[in-house]
Amino acid sequence: TFRISEIGWYRQAPGKQRELVARVSGNRADYADSVL
């Protein structure tokens, strides 16, 4: 049942918490400031 209409990329560096990198919903995409 899963469809990728709303999905995101995350990352976790050593010793750090997992963080959101980018995500998309419909035609809208959002990015972390560090990767924009």
Full PDB file with SEQRES, HELIX, SHEET, SSBOND, CRYST1, ORIGX, SCALE, CONECT and MASTER records, all heavy atoms in Angstrom:
SEQRES   1 A   36  THR PHE ARG ILE SER GLU ILE GLY TRP TYR ARG GLN ALA          
SEQRES   2 A   36  PRO GLY LYS GLN ARG GLU LEU VAL ALA ARG VAL SER GLY          
SEQRES   3 A   36  ASN ARG ALA ASP TYR ALA ASP SER VAL LEU                      
SHEET    1 AA1 3 GLU A   6  ARG A  11  0                                        
SHEET    2 AA1 3 GLU A  19  SER A  25 -1                                        
SHEET    3 AA1 3 ARG A  28  TYR A  31 -1                                        
CRYST1    1.000    1.000    1.000  90.00  90.00  90.00 P 1           1          
ORIGX1      1.000000  0.000000  0.000000        0.00000                         
ORIGX2      0.000000  1.000000  0.000000        0.00000                         
ORIGX3      0.000000  0.000000  1.000000        0.00000                         
SCALE1      1.000000  0.000000  0.000000        0.00000                         
SCALE2      0.000000  1.000000  0.000000        0.00000                         
SCALE3      0.000000  0.000000  1.000000        0.00000                         
ATOM      1  N   THR A   1       0.791  -1.223   0.000  1.00  0.00           N  
ATOM      2  CA  THR A   1       0.000   0.000   0.000  1.00  0.00           C  
ATOM      3  C   THR A   1       0.826   1.277   0.000  1.00  0.00           C  
ATOM      4  O   THR A   1       0.283   2.358  -0.152  1.00  0.00           O  
ATOM      5  CB  THR A   1      -0.918   0.042   1.233  1.00  0.00           C  
ATOM      6  OG1 THR A   1      -0.112   0.008   2.411  1.00  0.00           O  
ATOM      7  CG2 THR A   1      -1.872  -1.138   1.230  1.00  0.00           C  
ATOM      8  N   PHE A   2       2.141   1.149   0.168  1.00  0.00           N  
ATOM      9  CA  PHE A   2       2.946   2.359   0.284  1.00  0.00           C  
ATOM     10  C   PHE A   2       3.227   2.942  -1.075  1.00  0.00           C  
ATOM     11  O   PHE A   2       3.688   2.265  -1.983  1.00  0.00           O  
ATOM     12  CB  PHE A   2       4.260   2.063   1.007  1.00  0.00           C  
ATOM     13  CG  PHE A   2       5.079   3.297   1.257  1.00  0.00           C  
ATOM     14  CD1 PHE A   2       4.772   4.135   2.318  1.00  0.00           C  
ATOM     15  CD2 PHE A   2       6.135   3.636   0.430  1.00  0.00           C  
ATOM     16  CE1 PHE A   2       5.507   5.280   2.554  1.00  0.00           C  
ATOM     17  CE2 PHE A   2       6.887   4.777   0.649  1.00  0.00           C  
ATOM     18  CZ  PHE A   2       6.568   5.602   1.726  1.00  0.00           C  
ATOM     19  N   ARG A   3       2.994   4.210  -1.194  1.00  0.00           N  
ATOM     20  CA  ARG A   3       3.325   4.943  -2.405  1.00  0.00           C  
ATOM     21  C   ARG A   3       4.213   6.118  -2.049  1.00  0.00           C  
ATOM     22  O   ARG A   3       4.130   6.679  -0.982  1.00  0.00           O  
ATOM     23  CB  ARG A   3       2.055   5.416  -3.119  1.00  0.00           C  
ATOM     24  CG  ARG A   3       1.215   4.275  -3.670  1.00  0.00           C  
ATOM     25  CD  ARG A   3       1.956   3.520  -4.760  1.00  0.00           C  
ATOM     26  NE  ARG A   3       1.199   2.384  -5.280  1.00  0.00           N  
ATOM     27  CZ  ARG A   3       1.386   1.141  -4.893  1.00  0.00           C  
ATOM     28  NH1 ARG A   3       2.307   0.867  -3.962  1.00  0.00           N  
ATOM     29  NH2 ARG A   3       0.671   0.169  -5.417  1.00  0.00           N  
ATOM     30  N   ILE A   4       5.053   6.512  -2.968  1.00  0.00           N  
ATOM     31  CA  ILE A   4       6.097   7.479  -2.655  1.00  0.00           C  
ATOM     32  C   ILE A   4       5.678   8.911  -2.905  1.00  0.00           C  
ATOM     33  O   ILE A   4       6.495   9.768  -3.177  1.00  0.00           O  
ATOM     34  CB  ILE A   4       7.387   7.168  -3.425  1.00  0.00           C  
ATOM     35  CG1 ILE A   4       7.136   7.216  -4.939  1.00  0.00           C  
ATOM     36  CG2 ILE A   4       7.978   5.835  -3.002  1.00  0.00           C  
ATOM     37  CD1 ILE A   4       8.417   7.188  -5.759  1.00  0.00           C  
ATOM     38  N   SER A   5       4.381   9.182  -2.797  1.00  0.00           N  
ATOM     39  CA  SER A   5       3.942  10.557  -3.027  1.00  0.00           C  
ATOM     40  C   SER A   5       4.482  11.503  -1.969  1.00  0.00           C  
ATOM     41  O   SER A   5       4.708  12.675  -2.241  1.00  0.00           O  
ATOM     42  CB  SER A   5       2.410  10.610  -3.051  1.00  0.00           C  
ATOM     43  OG  SER A   5       1.889  10.080  -1.833  1.00  0.00           O  
ATOM     44  N   GLU A   6       4.689  10.990  -0.769  1.00  0.00           N  
ATOM     45  CA  GLU A   6       5.289  11.793   0.290  1.00  0.00           C  
ATOM     46  C   GLU A   6       6.428  10.971   0.890  1.00  0.00           C  
ATOM     47  O   GLU A   6       6.193   9.998   1.594  1.00  0.00           O  
ATOM     48  CB  GLU A   6       4.263  12.135   1.369  1.00  0.00           C  
ATOM     49  CG  GLU A   6       3.141  13.033   0.874  1.00  0.00           C  
ATOM     50  CD  GLU A   6       2.239  13.482   2.006  1.00  0.00           C  
ATOM     51  OE1 GLU A   6       2.213  12.796   3.042  1.00  0.00           O  
ATOM     52  OE2 GLU A   6       1.569  14.514   1.852  1.00  0.00           O  
ATOM     53  N   ILE A   7       7.636  11.383   0.591  1.00  0.00           N  
ATOM     54  CA  ILE A   7       8.793  10.598   1.003  1.00  0.00           C  
ATOM     55  C   ILE A   7       9.987  11.508   1.215  1.00  0.00           C  
ATOM     56  O   ILE A   7      10.039  12.602   0.661  1.00  0.00           O  
ATOM     57  CB  ILE A   7       9.088   9.510  -0.047  1.00  0.00           C  
ATOM     58  CG1 ILE A   7      10.050   8.455   0.506  1.00  0.00           C  
ATOM     59  CG2 ILE A   7       9.582  10.131  -1.341  1.00  0.00           C  
ATOM     60  CD1 ILE A   7      10.077   7.186  -0.323  1.00  0.00           C  
ATOM     61  N   GLY A   8      10.925  11.051   2.016  1.00  0.00           N  
ATOM     62  CA  GLY A   8      12.070  11.886   2.310  1.00  0.00           C  
ATOM     63  C   GLY A   8      13.360  11.103   2.402  1.00  0.00           C  
ATOM     64  O   GLY A   8      13.362   9.877   2.509  1.00  0.00           O  
ATOM     65  N   TRP A   9      14.452  11.853   2.323  1.00  0.00           N  
ATOM     66  CA  TRP A   9      15.791  11.318   2.553  1.00  0.00           C  
ATOM     67  C   TRP A   9      16.303  11.853   3.886  1.00  0.00           C  
ATOM     68  O   TRP A   9      16.126  13.042   4.201  1.00  0.00           O  
ATOM     69  CB  TRP A   9      16.751  11.733   1.440  1.00  0.00           C  
ATOM     70  CG  TRP A   9      16.639  10.919   0.203  1.00  0.00           C  
ATOM     71  CD1 TRP A   9      15.943  11.213  -0.929  1.00  0.00           C  
ATOM     72  CD2 TRP A   9      17.256   9.652  -0.036  1.00  0.00           C  
ATOM     73  NE1 TRP A   9      16.084  10.220  -1.854  1.00  0.00           N  
ATOM     74  CE2 TRP A   9      16.894   9.242  -1.328  1.00  0.00           C  
ATOM     75  CE3 TRP A   9      18.094   8.825   0.712  1.00  0.00           C  
ATOM     76  CZ2 TRP A   9      17.327   8.041  -1.898  1.00  0.00           C  
ATOM     77  CZ3 TRP A   9      18.523   7.637   0.156  1.00  0.00           C  
ATOM     78  CH2 TRP A   9      18.136   7.250  -1.132  1.00  0.00           C  
ATOM     79  N   TYR A  10      16.937  10.977   4.635  1.00  0.00           N  
ATOM     80  CA  TYR A  10      17.487  11.315   5.928  1.00  0.00           C  
ATOM     81  C   TYR A  10      18.940  10.850   5.958  1.00  0.00           C  
ATOM     82  O   TYR A  10      19.356  10.029   5.140  1.00  0.00           O  
ATOM     83  CB  TYR A  10      16.711  10.597   7.042  1.00  0.00           C  
ATOM     84  CG  TYR A  10      15.229  10.910   7.058  1.00  0.00           C  
ATOM     85  CD1 TYR A  10      14.362  10.311   6.144  1.00  0.00           C  
ATOM     86  CD2 TYR A  10      14.684  11.800   7.972  1.00  0.00           C  
ATOM     87  CE1 TYR A  10      13.007  10.595   6.143  1.00  0.00           C  
ATOM     88  CE2 TYR A  10      13.334  12.088   7.983  1.00  0.00           C  
ATOM     89  CZ  TYR A  10      12.497  11.487   7.067  1.00  0.00           C  
ATOM     90  OH  TYR A  10      11.153  11.771   7.070  1.00  0.00           O  
ATOM     91  N   ARG A  11      19.707  11.353   6.917  1.00  0.00           N  
ATOM     92  CA  ARG A  11      21.071  10.882   7.061  1.00  0.00           C  
ATOM     93  C   ARG A  11      21.474  10.876   8.527  1.00  0.00           C  
ATOM     94  O   ARG A  11      20.921  11.626   9.337  1.00  0.00           O  
ATOM     95  CB  ARG A  11      22.043  11.746   6.246  1.00  0.00           C  
ATOM     96  CG  ARG A  11      22.224  13.161   6.748  1.00  0.00           C  
ATOM     97  CD  ARG A  11      23.104  13.935   5.793  1.00  0.00           C  
ATOM     98  NE  ARG A  11      23.320  15.313   6.245  1.00  0.00           N  
ATOM     99  CZ  ARG A  11      23.928  16.251   5.508  1.00  0.00           C  
ATOM    100  NH1 ARG A  11      24.387  15.950   4.288  1.00  0.00           N  
ATOM    101  NH2 ARG A  11      24.073  17.459   5.993  1.00  0.00           N  
ATOM    102  N   GLN A  12      22.430  10.021   8.826  1.00  0.00           N  
ATOM    103  CA  GLN A  12      22.959   9.952  10.183  1.00  0.00           C  
ATOM    104  C   GLN A  12      24.472   9.845  10.113  1.00  0.00           C  
ATOM    105  O   GLN A  12      25.003   8.866   9.574  1.00  0.00           O  
ATOM    106  CB  GLN A  12      22.373   8.764  10.945  1.00  0.00           C  
ATOM    107  CG  GLN A  12      22.772   8.742  12.406  1.00  0.00           C  
ATOM    108  CD  GLN A  12      21.941   7.769  13.219  1.00  0.00           C  
ATOM    109  OE1 GLN A  12      21.333   6.844  12.689  1.00  0.00           O  
ATOM    110  NE2 GLN A  12      21.897   7.975  14.523  1.00  0.00           N  
ATOM    111  N   ALA A  13      25.137  10.855  10.641  1.00  0.00           N  
ATOM    112  CA  ALA A  13      26.589  10.873  10.707  1.00  0.00           C  
ATOM    113  C   ALA A  13      27.023  10.214  12.016  1.00  0.00           C  
ATOM    114  O   ALA A  13      26.252  10.163  12.985  1.00  0.00           O  
ATOM    115  CB  ALA A  13      27.095  12.302  10.626  1.00  0.00           C  
ATOM    116  N   PRO A  14      28.252   9.735  12.075  1.00  0.00           N  
ATOM    117  CA  PRO A  14      28.740   9.092  13.305  1.00  0.00           C  
ATOM    118  C   PRO A  14      28.596  10.013  14.508  1.00  0.00           C  
ATOM    119  O   PRO A  14      29.007  11.177  14.467  1.00  0.00           O  
ATOM    120  CB  PRO A  14      30.204   8.803  12.981  1.00  0.00           C  
ATOM    121  CG  PRO A  14      30.257   8.696  11.506  1.00  0.00           C  
ATOM    122  CD  PRO A  14      29.242   9.679  10.994  1.00  0.00           C  
ATOM    123  N   GLY A  15      28.005   9.490  15.570  1.00  0.00           N  
ATOM    124  CA  GLY A  15      27.866  10.256  16.796  1.00  0.00           C  
ATOM    125  C   GLY A  15      26.794  11.318  16.777  1.00  0.00           C  
ATOM    126  O   GLY A  15      26.678  12.106  17.720  1.00  0.00           O  
ATOM    127  N   LYS A  16      26.012  11.357  15.707  1.00  0.00           N  
ATOM    128  CA  LYS A  16      24.967  12.380  15.590  1.00  0.00           C  
ATOM    129  C   LYS A  16      23.604  11.744  15.403  1.00  0.00           C  
ATOM    130  O   LYS A  16      23.495  10.580  15.018  1.00  0.00           O  
ATOM    131  CB  LYS A  16      25.275  13.321  14.427  1.00  0.00           C  
ATOM    132  CG  LYS A  16      26.524  14.148  14.613  1.00  0.00           C  
ATOM    133  CD  LYS A  16      26.676  15.165  13.499  1.00  0.00           C  
ATOM    134  CE  LYS A  16      27.901  16.033  13.721  1.00  0.00           C  
ATOM    135  NZ  LYS A  16      28.045  17.056  12.639  1.00  0.00           N  
ATOM    136  N   GLN A  17      22.575  12.515  15.674  1.00  0.00           N  
ATOM    137  CA  GLN A  17      21.218  12.034  15.451  1.00  0.00           C  
ATOM    138  C   GLN A  17      20.877  12.042  13.968  1.00  0.00           C  
ATOM    139  O   GLN A  17      21.443  12.811  13.184  1.00  0.00           O  
ATOM    140  CB  GLN A  17      20.228  12.920  16.208  1.00  0.00           C  
ATOM    141  CG  GLN A  17      20.274  12.751  17.718  1.00  0.00           C  
ATOM    142  CD  GLN A  17      19.130  13.476  18.412  1.00  0.00           C  
ATOM    143  OE1 GLN A  17      18.621  14.464  17.918  1.00  0.00           O  
ATOM    144  NE2 GLN A  17      18.716  12.945  19.547  1.00  0.00           N  
ATOM    145  N   ARG A  18      19.953  11.182  13.616  1.00  0.00           N  
ATOM    146  CA  ARG A  18      19.468  11.162  12.253  1.00  0.00           C  
ATOM    147  C   ARG A  18      18.757  12.481  11.961  1.00  0.00           C  
ATOM    148  O   ARG A  18      18.001  12.988  12.802  1.00  0.00           O  
ATOM    149  CB  ARG A  18      18.532   9.988  12.052  1.00  0.00           C  
ATOM    150  CG  ARG A  18      18.088   9.768  10.622  1.00  0.00           C  
ATOM    151  CD  ARG A  18      17.240   8.516  10.549  1.00  0.00           C  
ATOM    152  NE  ARG A  18      18.037   7.307  10.640  1.00  0.00           N  
ATOM    153  CZ  ARG A  18      17.690   6.234  11.356  1.00  0.00           C  
ATOM    154  NH1 ARG A  18      16.574   6.229  12.061  1.00  0.00           N  
ATOM    155  NH2 ARG A  18      18.464   5.162  11.367  1.00  0.00           N  
ATOM    156  N   GLU A  19      18.972  13.015  10.766  1.00  0.00           N  
ATOM    157  CA  GLU A  19      18.373  14.292  10.407  1.00  0.00           C  
ATOM    158  C   GLU A  19      17.728  14.208   9.022  1.00  0.00           C  
ATOM    159  O   GLU A  19      18.147  13.427   8.170  1.00  0.00           O  
ATOM    160  CB  GLU A  19      19.429  15.407  10.404  1.00  0.00           C  
ATOM    161  CG  GLU A  19      20.534  15.222   9.387  1.00  0.00           C  
ATOM    162  CD  GLU A  19      21.497  16.401   9.339  1.00  0.00           C  
ATOM    163  OE1 GLU A  19      21.251  17.418   9.997  1.00  0.00           O  
ATOM    164  OE2 GLU A  19      22.515  16.288   8.602  1.00  0.00           O  
ATOM    165  N   LEU A  20      16.741  15.043   8.831  1.00  0.00           N  
ATOM    166  CA  LEU A  20      16.076  15.136   7.539  1.00  0.00           C  
ATOM    167  C   LEU A  20      16.962  15.909   6.563  1.00  0.00           C  
ATOM    168  O   LEU A  20      17.478  16.973   6.892  1.00  0.00           O  
ATOM    169  CB  LEU A  20      14.730  15.842   7.689  1.00  0.00           C  
ATOM    170  CG  LEU A  20      13.945  16.089   6.414  1.00  0.00           C  
ATOM    171  CD1 LEU A  20      13.449  14.777   5.821  1.00  0.00           C  
ATOM    172  CD2 LEU A  20      12.781  17.025   6.685  1.00  0.00           C  
ATOM    173  N   VAL A  21      17.114  15.381   5.374  1.00  0.00           N  
ATOM    174  CA  VAL A  21      17.910  16.041   4.328  1.00  0.00           C  
ATOM    175  C   VAL A  21      16.994  16.705   3.307  1.00  0.00           C  
ATOM    176  O   VAL A  21      17.179  17.873   2.956  1.00  0.00           O  
ATOM    177  CB  VAL A  21      18.826  15.026   3.634  1.00  0.00           C  
ATOM    178  CG1 VAL A  21      19.556  15.670   2.462  1.00  0.00           C  
ATOM    179  CG2 VAL A  21      19.820  14.432   4.621  1.00  0.00           C  
ATOM    180  N   ALA A  22      16.017  15.959   2.828  1.00  0.00           N  
ATOM    181  CA  ALA A  22      15.102  16.475   1.819  1.00  0.00           C  
ATOM    182  C   ALA A  22      13.844  15.628   1.835  1.00  0.00           C  
ATOM    183  O   ALA A  22      13.894  14.440   2.155  1.00  0.00           O  
ATOM    184  CB  ALA A  22      15.738  16.431   0.427  1.00  0.00           C  
ATOM    185  N   ARG A  23      12.725  16.232   1.481  1.00  0.00           N  
ATOM    186  CA  ARG A  23      11.494  15.471   1.370  1.00  0.00           C  
ATOM    187  C   ARG A  23      10.595  16.107   0.328  1.00  0.00           C  
ATOM    188  O   ARG A  23      10.719  17.294   0.030  1.00  0.00           O  
ATOM    189  CB  ARG A  23      10.782  15.325   2.707  1.00  0.00           C  
ATOM    190  CG  ARG A  23      10.349  16.610   3.369  1.00  0.00           C  
ATOM    191  CD  ARG A  23       9.758  16.314   4.734  1.00  0.00           C  
ATOM    192  NE  ARG A  23       9.335  17.531   5.427  1.00  0.00           N  
ATOM    193  CZ  ARG A  23       8.864  17.557   6.663  1.00  0.00           C  
ATOM    194  NH1 ARG A  23       8.744  16.422   7.366  1.00  0.00           N  
ATOM    195  NH2 ARG A  23       8.498  18.691   7.227  1.00  0.00           N  
ATOM    196  N   VAL A  24       9.728  15.307  -0.200  1.00  0.00           N  
ATOM    197  CA  VAL A  24       8.852  15.772  -1.266  1.00  0.00           C  
ATOM    198  C   VAL A  24       7.433  15.327  -0.962  1.00  0.00           C  
ATOM    199  O   VAL A  24       7.188  14.216  -0.483  1.00  0.00           O  
ATOM    200  CB  VAL A  24       9.330  15.251  -2.641  1.00  0.00           C  
ATOM    201  CG1 VAL A  24       9.343  13.743  -2.691  1.00  0.00           C  
ATOM    202  CG2 VAL A  24       8.513  15.846  -3.761  1.00  0.00           C  
ATOM    203  N   SER A  25       6.499  16.236  -1.234  1.00  0.00           N  
ATOM    204  CA  SER A  25       5.076  15.959  -1.104  1.00  0.00           C  
ATOM    205  C   SER A  25       4.386  16.578  -2.299  1.00  0.00           C  
ATOM    206  O   SER A  25       4.413  17.805  -2.445  1.00  0.00           O  
ATOM    207  CB  SER A  25       4.522  16.549   0.196  1.00  0.00           C  
ATOM    208  OG  SER A  25       3.122  16.376   0.269  1.00  0.00           O  
ATOM    209  N   GLY A  26       3.815  15.758  -3.141  1.00  0.00           N  
ATOM    210  CA  GLY A  26       3.240  16.283  -4.367  1.00  0.00           C  
ATOM    211  C   GLY A  26       4.308  16.956  -5.195  1.00  0.00           C  
ATOM    212  O   GLY A  26       5.338  16.354  -5.488  1.00  0.00           O  
ATOM    213  N   ASN A  27       4.100  18.210  -5.513  1.00  0.00           N  
ATOM    214  CA  ASN A  27       5.085  18.968  -6.288  1.00  0.00           C  
ATOM    215  C   ASN A  27       5.983  19.840  -5.429  1.00  0.00           C  
ATOM    216  O   ASN A  27       6.788  20.613  -5.948  1.00  0.00           O  
ATOM    217  CB  ASN A  27       4.377  19.860  -7.311  1.00  0.00           C  
ATOM    218  CG  ASN A  27       3.667  19.045  -8.371  1.00  0.00           C  
ATOM    219  OD1 ASN A  27       4.171  18.010  -8.800  1.00  0.00           O  
ATOM    220  ND2 ASN A  27       2.497  19.498  -8.785  1.00  0.00           N  
ATOM    221  N   ARG A  28       5.863  19.704  -4.125  1.00  0.00           N  
ATOM    222  CA  ARG A  28       6.645  20.538  -3.220  1.00  0.00           C  
ATOM    223  C   ARG A  28       7.817  19.740  -2.660  1.00  0.00           C  
ATOM    224  O   ARG A  28       7.646  18.633  -2.164  1.00  0.00           O  
ATOM    225  CB  ARG A  28       5.782  21.039  -2.070  1.00  0.00           C  
ATOM    226  CG  ARG A  28       6.552  21.838  -1.027  1.00  0.00           C  
ATOM    227  CD  ARG A  28       5.727  22.087   0.223  1.00  0.00           C  
ATOM    228  NE  ARG A  28       6.540  22.684   1.267  1.00  0.00           N  
ATOM    229  CZ  ARG A  28       6.414  23.932   1.673  1.00  0.00           C  
ATOM    230  NH1 ARG A  28       5.516  24.721   1.116  1.00  0.00           N  
ATOM    231  NH2 ARG A  28       7.189  24.407   2.638  1.00  0.00           N  
ATOM    232  N   ALA A  29       8.993  20.334  -2.733  1.00  0.00           N  
ATOM    233  CA  ALA A  29      10.190  19.722  -2.156  1.00  0.00           C  
ATOM    234  C   ALA A  29      10.787  20.673  -1.128  1.00  0.00           C  
ATOM    235  O   ALA A  29      10.849  21.881  -1.353  1.00  0.00           O  
ATOM    236  CB  ALA A  29      11.223  19.412  -3.239  1.00  0.00           C  
ATOM    237  N   ASP A  30      11.232  20.119  -0.011  1.00  0.00           N  
ATOM    238  CA  ASP A  30      11.875  20.903   1.031  1.00  0.00           C  
ATOM    239  C   ASP A  30      13.252  20.323   1.304  1.00  0.00           C  
ATOM    240  O   ASP A  30      13.438  19.111   1.236  1.00  0.00           O  
ATOM    241  CB  ASP A  30      11.043  20.876   2.325  1.00  0.00           C  
ATOM    242  CG  ASP A  30       9.688  21.523   2.153  1.00  0.00           C  
ATOM    243  OD1 ASP A  30       9.661  22.703   1.716  1.00  0.00           O  
ATOM    244  OD2 ASP A  30       8.670  20.874   2.422  1.00  0.00           O  
ATOM    245  N   TYR A  31      14.189  21.193   1.638  1.00  0.00           N  
ATOM    246  CA  TYR A  31      15.558  20.778   1.872  1.00  0.00           C  
ATOM    247  C   TYR A  31      16.096  21.367   3.172  1.00  0.00           C  
ATOM    248  O   TYR A  31      15.724  22.476   3.562  1.00  0.00           O  
ATOM    249  CB  TYR A  31      16.453  21.237   0.714  1.00  0.00           C  
ATOM    250  CG  TYR A  31      16.074  20.660  -0.618  1.00  0.00           C  
ATOM    251  CD1 TYR A  31      15.173  21.303  -1.453  1.00  0.00           C  
ATOM    252  CD2 TYR A  31      16.626  19.455  -1.044  1.00  0.00           C  
ATOM    253  CE1 TYR A  31      14.806  20.758  -2.675  1.00  0.00           C  
ATOM    254  CE2 TYR A  31      16.276  18.900  -2.266  1.00  0.00           C  
ATOM    255  CZ  TYR A  31      15.366  19.550  -3.065  1.00  0.00           C  
ATOM    256  OH  TYR A  31      15.017  19.002  -4.281  1.00  0.00           O  
ATOM    257  N   ALA A  32      16.980  20.626   3.787  1.00  0.00           N  
ATOM    258  CA  ALA A  32      17.718  21.183   4.910  1.00  0.00           C  
ATOM    259  C   ALA A  32      18.594  22.330   4.398  1.00  0.00           C  
ATOM    260  O   ALA A  32      19.087  22.284   3.267  1.00  0.00           O  
ATOM    261  CB  ALA A  32      18.581  20.109   5.561  1.00  0.00           C  
ATOM    262  N   ASP A  33      18.791  23.332   5.234  1.00  0.00           N  
ATOM    263  CA  ASP A  33      19.599  24.484   4.819  1.00  0.00           C  
ATOM    264  C   ASP A  33      20.994  24.050   4.382  1.00  0.00           C  
ATOM    265  O   ASP A  33      21.582  24.647   3.471  1.00  0.00           O  
ATOM    266  CB  ASP A  33      19.714  25.475   5.975  1.00  0.00           C  
ATOM    267  CG  ASP A  33      18.408  26.199   6.245  1.00  0.00           C  
ATOM    268  OD1 ASP A  33      17.518  26.173   5.374  1.00  0.00           O  
ATOM    269  OD2 ASP A  33      18.276  26.785   7.335  1.00  0.00           O  
ATOM    270  N   SER A  34      21.516  23.021   5.010  1.00  0.00           N  
ATOM    271  CA  SER A  34      22.890  22.598   4.744  1.00  0.00           C  
ATOM    272  C   SER A  34      23.072  21.994   3.350  1.00  0.00           C  
ATOM    273  O   SER A  34      24.205  21.899   2.864  1.00  0.00           O  
ATOM    274  CB  SER A  34      23.345  21.588   5.794  1.00  0.00           C  
ATOM    275  OG  SER A  34      22.492  20.451   5.797  1.00  0.00           O  
ATOM    276  N   VAL A  35      21.980  21.581   2.702  1.00  0.00           N  
ATOM    277  CA  VAL A  35      22.100  20.955   1.379  1.00  0.00           C  
ATOM    278  C   VAL A  35      21.376  21.744   0.303  1.00  0.00           C  
ATOM    279  O   VAL A  35      21.447  21.385  -0.879  1.00  0.00           O  
ATOM    280  CB  VAL A  35      21.573  19.498   1.404  1.00  0.00           C  
ATOM    281  CG1 VAL A  35      22.238  18.697   2.507  1.00  0.00           C  
ATOM    282  CG2 VAL A  35      20.062  19.448   1.528  1.00  0.00           C  
ATOM    283  N   LEU A  36      20.690  22.794   0.683  1.00  0.00           N  
ATOM    284  CA  LEU A  36      19.924  23.592  -0.271  1.00  0.00           C  
ATOM    285  C   LEU A  36      20.828  24.105  -1.393  1.00  0.00           C  
ATOM    286  O   LEU A  36      21.894  24.661  -1.143  1.00  0.00           O  
ATOM    287  CB  LEU A  36      19.255  24.753   0.457  1.00  0.00           C  
ATOM    288  CG  LEU A  36      18.249  25.574  -0.337  1.00  0.00           C  
ATOM    289  CD1 LEU A  36      17.065  24.713  -0.764  1.00  0.00           C  
ATOM    290  CD2 LEU A  36      17.774  26.771   0.475  1.00  0.00           C  
TER     291      LEU A  36                                                      
MASTER        0    0    0    0    3    0    0    6  290    1    0    3          
END                                                                             
